[in-house]
């Protein structure tokens, strides 16, 4: 994920308090953002099974919702 997309995800998550649907490109896991750690460049995600994880911005991508 590029730096600008990371900033967008973090803005939506932390300022607008909206979760962003994410996919880990290495594992294929799906999760929803709930925080960011700028120092480490990570996104904290809640997986669909309820577990919590932290992904680096290089291993995740936003999944666009289809309406």
Protein backbone atom coordinates (compact mmCIF):
# COMPACT_ATOMS: atom_id res chain seq x y z
CA UNK A 1 0.00 0.00 0.00
CA UNK A 2 1.41 3.39 -0.92
CA UNK A 3 2.02 6.08 1.67
CA UNK A 4 -0.90 8.18 0.44
CA UNK A 5 -3.32 5.25 0.61
CA UNK A 6 -2.01 4.41 4.09
CA UNK A 7 -2.68 8.01 5.15
CA UNK A 8 -6.22 7.79 3.71
CA UNK A 9 -6.95 4.52 5.55
CA UNK A 10 -5.64 5.98 8.80
CA UNK A 11 -7.65 9.18 8.33
CA UNK A 12 -10.88 7.26 7.72
CA UNK A 13 -10.16 4.95 10.66
CA UNK A 14 -9.00 7.46 13.28
CA UNK A 15 -10.62 10.77 12.33
CA UNK A 16 -13.92 9.60 10.86
CA UNK A 17 -14.13 6.49 13.07
CA UNK A 18 -15.02 4.30 10.09
CA UNK A 19 -13.51 0.89 9.55
CA UNK A 20 -11.82 0.15 6.24
CA UNK A 21 -12.03 -3.36 4.85
CA UNK A 22 -8.50 -4.68 4.26
CA UNK A 23 -6.85 -7.80 2.82
CA UNK A 24 -3.42 -9.09 3.74
CA UNK A 25 -1.69 -9.72 0.38
CA UNK A 26 0.65 -12.33 1.93
CA UNK A 27 -1.91 -14.44 3.82
CA UNK A 28 -5.19 -13.56 2.09
CA UNK A 29 -6.81 -12.78 5.46
CA UNK A 30 -9.61 -10.21 5.56
CA UNK A 31 -9.95 -7.67 8.36
CA UNK A 32 -11.29 -4.25 9.28
CA UNK A 33 -9.05 -1.40 10.39
CA UNK A 34 -9.40 0.00 13.90
CA UNK A 35 -6.14 1.93 14.32
CA UNK A 36 -2.77 2.88 12.88
CA UNK A 37 0.75 3.07 14.25
CA UNK A 38 2.54 5.73 12.22
CA UNK A 39 5.96 5.05 13.76
CA UNK A 40 5.92 1.45 12.54
CA UNK A 41 3.77 1.97 9.45
CA UNK A 42 1.18 -0.58 10.54
CA UNK A 43 -2.58 -0.92 10.50
CA UNK A 44 -4.35 -2.66 13.38
CA UNK A 45 -7.10 -4.91 12.07
CA UNK A 46 -9.92 -6.99 13.49
CA UNK A 47 -10.09 -10.21 11.49
CA UNK A 48 -13.42 -11.63 10.38
CA UNK A 49 -13.07 -14.35 13.07
CA UNK A 50 -12.79 -11.62 15.74
CA UNK A 51 -9.05 -11.90 16.38
CA UNK A 52 -6.86 -8.80 16.40
CA UNK A 53 -3.73 -8.41 14.28
CA UNK A 54 -1.31 -5.77 13.06
CA UNK A 55 -0.24 -5.60 9.41
CA UNK A 56 2.52 -3.50 7.88
CA UNK A 57 1.33 -1.12 5.18
CA UNK A 58 3.40 -3.13 2.67
CA UNK A 59 1.39 -6.30 3.26
CA UNK A 60 -2.15 -4.94 3.10
CA UNK A 61 -4.52 -3.43 0.59
CA UNK A 62 -7.90 -1.80 0.83
CA UNK A 63 -10.86 -3.79 -0.48
CA UNK A 64 -13.37 -1.55 -2.20
CA UNK A 65 -16.96 -2.17 -1.21
CA UNK A 66 -19.23 -2.89 -4.18
CA UNK A 67 -22.61 -1.18 -4.05
